[in-house]
Amino acid sequence: MMQFRDVAWRALTGYDFGAVFDIANRVHPGFFETETVLAEKFALYRNGCYLLEVSEKPAGYVLSHPWKRGDLPALNTLLGTIPADADSYYIHDLALLPLTRGLGAAKQIVNALTKHARAMGYGTMSLVAVNGSLPFWEKQGFAVEDRPDLSEKLAAYEDTARYMVKAVP
């Protein structure tokens, strides 16, 4: 395994969106979202947006924000606003370049987001698992929640997309 120095998550800035869009298109080519849609999540909830740097180069990002349990934003659609009655913390996207595998960066940011969700008073976290990530999310405490009402939105991702929920301890 390659050794890297300086593996660190940092707060996302407006200057990072070229890198975020590039990583999104490399990691999730089948789940296209415009740069405007990705940037809106940052504009609405900066406290949930981070960039992973490896040797000071962008290598991943996470976009997350409060939302409603049992619902999920449609792919490539502007949110408009965070619901005033948001009751869950939603991980919209965690995208890491292949060079980050085995560094523990994904687990590190999920732990940090869980602490944030707890501090903000959210009892659950939710997400959509795609790209074969289900086993990773299960290891982080998430479980598939069967939601037939979400089948249309989930199908927009891929046939194997699953809505997952985790209780915030």
C-alpha atoms as a PDB file:
ATOM      1  CA  MET A   1       0.000   0.000   0.000  1.00  0.00           C
ATOM      2  CA  MET A   2       1.196   3.488  -0.802  1.00  0.00           C
ATOM      3  CA  GLN A   3       2.006   5.741   2.117  1.00  0.00           C
ATOM      4  CA  PHE A   4       0.721   9.292   2.041  1.00  0.00           C
ATOM      5  CA  ARG A   5       1.637  12.220   4.172  1.00  0.00           C
ATOM      6  CA  ASP A   6      -0.834  14.868   5.103  1.00  0.00           C
ATOM      7  CA  VAL A   7      -4.187  13.098   4.801  1.00  0.00           C
ATOM      8  CA  ALA A   8      -6.723  15.554   6.181  1.00  0.00           C
ATOM      9  CA  TRP A   9     -10.337  16.667   5.933  1.00  0.00           C
ATOM     10  CA  ARG A  10     -10.863  20.434   5.908  1.00  0.00           C
ATOM     11  CA  ALA A  11     -13.857  22.733   5.599  1.00  0.00           C
ATOM     12  CA  LEU A  12     -14.957  23.140   1.991  1.00  0.00           C
ATOM     13  CA  THR A  13     -14.698  26.634   0.494  1.00  0.00           C
ATOM     14  CA  GLY A  14     -16.301  28.186  -2.546  1.00  0.00           C
ATOM     15  CA  TYR A  15     -12.974  27.856  -4.360  1.00  0.00           C
ATOM     16  CA  ASP A  16     -13.132  24.036  -4.131  1.00  0.00           C
ATOM     17  CA  PHE A  17     -16.076  23.423  -6.445  1.00  0.00           C
ATOM     18  CA  GLY A  18     -14.017  22.797  -9.564  1.00  0.00           C
ATOM     19  CA  ALA A  19     -12.294  19.949  -7.696  1.00  0.00           C
ATOM     20  CA  VAL A  20     -15.578  18.711  -6.162  1.00  0.00           C
ATOM     21  CA  PHE A  21     -17.260  18.602  -9.579  1.00  0.00           C
ATOM     22  CA  ASP A  22     -14.259  16.778 -11.077  1.00  0.00           C
ATOM     23  CA  ILE A  23     -14.231  14.176  -8.265  1.00  0.00           C
ATOM     24  CA  ALA A  24     -18.022  13.739  -8.508  1.00  0.00           C
ATOM     25  CA  ASN A  25     -17.805  12.987 -12.219  1.00  0.00           C
ATOM     26  CA  ARG A  26     -14.934  10.541 -11.712  1.00  0.00           C
ATOM     27  CA  VAL A  27     -16.442   8.686  -8.729  1.00  0.00           C
ATOM     28  CA  HIS A  28     -20.150   8.866  -9.639  1.00  0.00           C
ATOM     29  CA  PRO A  29     -20.335   9.139 -13.457  1.00  0.00           C
ATOM     30  CA  GLY A  30     -23.773   7.493 -13.471  1.00  0.00           C
ATOM     31  CA  PHE A  31     -25.229   9.929 -10.913  1.00  0.00           C
ATOM     32  CA  PHE A  32     -24.606  13.241 -12.650  1.00  0.00           C
ATOM     33  CA  GLU A  33     -25.385  16.400 -10.732  1.00  0.00           C
ATOM     34  CA  THR A  34     -24.575  19.878 -12.010  1.00  0.00           C
ATOM     35  CA  GLU A  35     -21.984  21.999 -10.271  1.00  0.00           C
ATOM     36  CA  THR A  36     -24.845  24.368  -9.331  1.00  0.00           C
ATOM     37  CA  VAL A  37     -26.722  21.570  -7.528  1.00  0.00           C
ATOM     38  CA  LEU A  38     -23.590  20.502  -5.635  1.00  0.00           C
ATOM     39  CA  ALA A  39     -22.680  24.094  -4.751  1.00  0.00           C
ATOM     40  CA  GLU A  40     -26.185  24.801  -3.432  1.00  0.00           C
ATOM     41  CA  LYS A  41     -25.701  22.206  -0.665  1.00  0.00           C
ATOM     42  CA  PHE A  42     -22.628  24.148   0.440  1.00  0.00           C
ATOM     43  CA  ALA A  43     -24.530  27.453   0.251  1.00  0.00           C
ATOM     44  CA  LEU A  44     -27.389  26.049   2.355  1.00  0.00           C
ATOM     45  CA  TYR A  45     -25.330  24.173   4.985  1.00  0.00           C
ATOM     46  CA  ARG A  46     -21.590  24.865   5.059  1.00  0.00           C
ATOM     47  CA  ASN A  47     -21.164  22.983   8.354  1.00  0.00           C
ATOM     48  CA  GLY A  48     -21.697  19.684   6.520  1.00  0.00           C
ATOM     49  CA  CYS A  49     -19.283  20.157   3.605  1.00  0.00           C
ATOM     50  CA  TYR A  50     -15.658  19.002   3.697  1.00  0.00           C
ATOM     51  CA  LEU A  51     -12.827  18.353   1.263  1.00  0.00           C
ATOM     52  CA  LEU A  52     -10.334  15.515   1.725  1.00  0.00           C
ATOM     53  CA  GLU A  53      -6.795  16.425   0.810  1.00  0.00           C
ATOM     54  CA  VAL A  54      -4.005  13.909   0.329  1.00  0.00           C
ATOM     55  CA  SER A  55      -0.579  15.539   0.092  1.00  0.00           C
ATOM     56  CA  GLU A  56      -2.428  18.854  -0.283  1.00  0.00           C
ATOM     57  CA  LYS A  57      -4.348  17.689  -3.383  1.00  0.00           C
ATOM     58  CA  PRO A  58      -8.152  17.215  -3.480  1.00  0.00           C
ATOM     59  CA  ALA A  59      -8.955  13.500  -3.168  1.00  0.00           C
ATOM     60  CA  GLY A  60     -12.558  13.432  -1.934  1.00  0.00           C
ATOM     61  CA  TYR A  61     -15.429  15.381  -0.490  1.00  0.00           C
ATOM     62  CA  VAL A  62     -18.588  15.041   1.569  1.00  0.00           C
ATOM     63  CA  LEU A  63     -21.801  17.071   1.276  1.00  0.00           C
ATOM     64  CA  SER A  64     -24.338  16.682   4.085  1.00  0.00           C
ATOM     65  CA  HIS A  65     -27.170  18.652   5.653  1.00  0.00           C
ATOM     66  CA  PRO A  66     -30.288  18.407   7.827  1.00  0.00           C
ATOM     67  CA  TRP A  67     -33.299  16.830   6.111  1.00  0.00           C
ATOM     68  CA  LYS A  68     -36.490  14.878   6.836  1.00  0.00           C
ATOM     69  CA  ARG A  69     -36.260  11.234   7.889  1.00  0.00           C
ATOM     70  CA  GLY A  70     -38.003   9.018   5.364  1.00  0.00           C
ATOM     71  CA  ASP A  71     -37.425  11.453   2.518  1.00  0.00           C
ATOM     72  CA  LEU A  72     -34.531  12.195   0.231  1.00  0.00           C
ATOM     73  CA  PRO A  73     -33.748  14.968  -2.206  1.00  0.00           C
ATOM     74  CA  ALA A  74     -34.195  14.006  -5.851  1.00  0.00           C
ATOM     75  CA  LEU A  75     -30.940  13.536  -7.758  1.00  0.00           C
ATOM     76  CA  ASN A  76     -29.666  16.633  -9.595  1.00  0.00           C
ATOM     77  CA  THR A  77     -32.376  18.888  -8.176  1.00  0.00           C
ATOM     78  CA  LEU A  78     -31.974  22.135  -6.254  1.00  0.00           C
ATOM     79  CA  LEU A  79     -33.179  21.896  -2.642  1.00  0.00           C
ATOM     80  CA  GLY A  80     -34.241  25.521  -2.385  1.00  0.00           C
ATOM     81  CA  THR A  81     -34.000  25.443   1.395  1.00  0.00           C
ATOM     82  CA  ILE A  82     -33.372  23.140   4.332  1.00  0.00           C
ATOM     83  CA  PRO A  83     -36.793  22.122   5.733  1.00  0.00           C
ATOM     84  CA  ALA A  84     -37.617  24.058   8.904  1.00  0.00           C
ATOM     85  CA  ASP A  85     -38.837  20.795  10.447  1.00  0.00           C
ATOM     86  CA  ALA A  86     -35.739  18.775   9.486  1.00  0.00           C
ATOM     87  CA  ASP A  87     -35.416  15.888  11.940  1.00  0.00           C
ATOM     88  CA  SER A  88     -32.556  13.814  10.515  1.00  0.00           C
ATOM     89  CA  TYR A  89     -29.032  14.450   9.274  1.00  0.00           C
ATOM     90  CA  TYR A  90     -28.602  13.477   5.608  1.00  0.00           C
ATOM     91  CA  ILE A  91     -25.319  12.494   3.964  1.00  0.00           C
ATOM     92  CA  HIS A  92     -25.940  13.500   0.370  1.00  0.00           C
ATOM     93  CA  ASP A  93     -22.605  12.438  -1.040  1.00  0.00           C
ATOM     94  CA  LEU A  94     -19.338  10.958   0.164  1.00  0.00           C
ATOM     95  CA  ALA A  95     -17.004  10.606  -2.820  1.00  0.00           C
ATOM     96  CA  LEU A  96     -13.393   9.479  -2.556  1.00  0.00           C
ATOM     97  CA  LEU A  97     -10.862   8.875  -5.312  1.00  0.00           C
ATOM     98  CA  PRO A  98      -9.449   5.325  -5.468  1.00  0.00           C
ATOM     99  CA  LEU A  99      -6.063   6.450  -4.087  1.00  0.00           C
ATOM    100  CA  THR A 100      -7.742   7.053  -0.695  1.00  0.00           C
ATOM    101  CA  ARG A 101      -8.752   3.405  -0.177  1.00  0.00           C
ATOM    102  CA  GLY A 102      -7.408   1.975   3.028  1.00  0.00           C
ATOM    103  CA  LEU A 103      -6.569   5.345   4.584  1.00  0.00           C
ATOM    104  CA  GLY A 104      -9.577   5.331   6.924  1.00  0.00           C
ATOM    105  CA  ALA A 105     -10.708   8.728   5.638  1.00  0.00           C
ATOM    106  CA  ALA A 106     -14.325   7.680   4.997  1.00  0.00           C
ATOM    107  CA  LYS A 107     -14.767   6.278   8.498  1.00  0.00           C
ATOM    108  CA  GLN A 108     -13.117   9.395   9.954  1.00  0.00           C
ATOM    109  CA  ILE A 109     -15.551  11.811   8.264  1.00  0.00           C
ATOM    110  CA  VAL A 110     -18.596   9.640   9.070  1.00  0.00           C
ATOM    111  CA  ASN A 111     -17.557   9.719  12.747  1.00  0.00           C
ATOM    112  CA  ALA A 112     -17.169  13.506  12.589  1.00  0.00           C
ATOM    113  CA  LEU A 113     -20.587  13.921  10.915  1.00  0.00           C
ATOM    114  CA  THR A 114     -22.157  11.639  13.542  1.00  0.00           C
ATOM    115  CA  LYS A 115     -20.735  13.871  16.303  1.00  0.00           C
ATOM    116  CA  HIS A 116     -22.097  16.916  14.466  1.00  0.00           C
ATOM    117  CA  ALA A 117     -25.559  15.322  14.107  1.00  0.00           C
ATOM    118  CA  ARG A 118     -25.562  14.511  17.840  1.00  0.00           C
ATOM    119  CA  ALA A 119     -24.467  18.052  18.771  1.00  0.00           C
ATOM    120  CA  MET A 120     -27.254  19.492  16.602  1.00  0.00           C
ATOM    121  CA  GLY A 121     -29.843  17.244  18.270  1.00  0.00           C
ATOM    122  CA  TYR A 122     -30.692  14.913  15.374  1.00  0.00           C
ATOM    123  CA  GLY A 123     -31.740  11.433  16.461  1.00  0.00           C
ATOM    124  CA  THR A 124     -30.994   9.804  13.118  1.00  0.00           C
ATOM    125  CA  MET A 125     -28.778  10.063  10.076  1.00  0.00           C
ATOM    126  CA  SER A 126     -29.793   8.908   6.602  1.00  0.00           C
ATOM    127  CA  LEU A 127     -28.337   8.405   3.136  1.00  0.00           C
ATOM    128  CA  VAL A 128     -28.659   6.525  -0.136  1.00  0.00           C
ATOM    129  CA  ALA A 129     -26.111   3.730  -0.573  1.00  0.00           C
ATOM    130  CA  VAL A 130     -24.881   3.343  -4.168  1.00  0.00           C
ATOM    131  CA  ASN A 131     -21.912   1.894  -6.051  1.00  0.00           C
ATOM    132  CA  GLY A 132     -21.713  -1.215  -3.886  1.00  0.00           C
ATOM    133  CA  SER A 133     -21.171   0.835  -0.716  1.00  0.00           C
ATOM    134  CA  LEU A 134     -23.815  -0.989   1.362  1.00  0.00           C
ATOM    135  CA  PRO A 135     -21.259  -3.066   3.363  1.00  0.00           C
ATOM    136  CA  PHE A 136     -19.270   0.076   4.238  1.00  0.00           C
ATOM    137  CA  TRP A 137     -22.367   1.880   5.496  1.00  0.00           C
ATOM    138  CA  GLU A 138     -23.478  -1.158   7.509  1.00  0.00           C
ATOM    139  CA  LYS A 139     -20.081  -1.117   9.271  1.00  0.00           C
ATOM    140  CA  GLN A 140     -20.770   2.537  10.156  1.00  0.00           C
ATOM    141  CA  GLY A 141     -24.039   1.571  11.875  1.00  0.00           C
ATOM    142  CA  PHE A 142     -26.501   2.274   9.046  1.00  0.00           C
ATOM    143  CA  ALA A 143     -29.267  -0.197   8.177  1.00  0.00           C
ATOM    144  CA  VAL A 144     -31.491  -0.446   5.113  1.00  0.00           C
ATOM    145  CA  GLU A 145     -34.942   0.977   5.772  1.00  0.00           C
ATOM    146  CA  ASP A 146     -37.590  -0.332   3.388  1.00  0.00           C
ATOM    147  CA  ARG A 147     -39.410   2.700   1.995  1.00  0.00           C
ATOM    148  CA  PRO A 148     -41.656   1.813  -0.964  1.00  0.00           C
ATOM    149  CA  ASP A 149     -42.631   5.500  -1.155  1.00  0.00           C
ATOM    150  CA  LEU A 150     -39.022   6.297  -2.131  1.00  0.00           C
ATOM    151  CA  SER A 151     -38.711   3.663  -4.871  1.00  0.00           C
ATOM    152  CA  GLU A 152     -39.001   6.185  -7.709  1.00  0.00           C
ATOM    153  CA  LYS A 153     -36.325   8.502  -6.285  1.00  0.00           C
ATOM    154  CA  LEU A 154     -34.053   5.534  -5.494  1.00  0.00           C
ATOM    155  CA  ALA A 155     -34.458   4.137  -9.025  1.00  0.00           C
ATOM    156  CA  ALA A 156     -33.084   7.432 -10.383  1.00  0.00           C
ATOM    157  CA  TYR A 157     -29.747   6.419  -8.835  1.00  0.00           C
ATOM    158  CA  GLU A 158     -29.524   2.716  -9.724  1.00  0.00           C
ATOM    159  CA  ASP A 159     -31.470  -0.525  -9.226  1.00  0.00           C
ATOM    160  CA  THR A 160     -29.420  -1.443  -6.160  1.00  0.00           C
ATOM    161  CA  ALA A 161     -29.666   1.984  -4.445  1.00  0.00           C
ATOM    162  CA  ARG A 162     -30.888   1.627  -0.847  1.00  0.00           C
ATOM    163  CA  TYR A 163     -32.166   4.162   1.664  1.00  0.00           C
ATOM    164  CA  MET A 164     -30.297   3.683   4.942  1.00  0.00           C
ATOM    165  CA  VAL A 165     -30.775   5.073   8.448  1.00  0.00           C
ATOM    166  CA  LYS A 166     -28.614   5.124  11.559  1.00  0.00           C
ATOM    167  CA  ALA A 167     -29.671   6.054  15.074  1.00  0.00           C
ATOM    168  CA  VAL A 168     -27.394   8.747  16.470  1.00  0.00           C
ATOM    169  CA  PRO A 169     -26.112   7.487  19.835  1.00  0.00           C
END
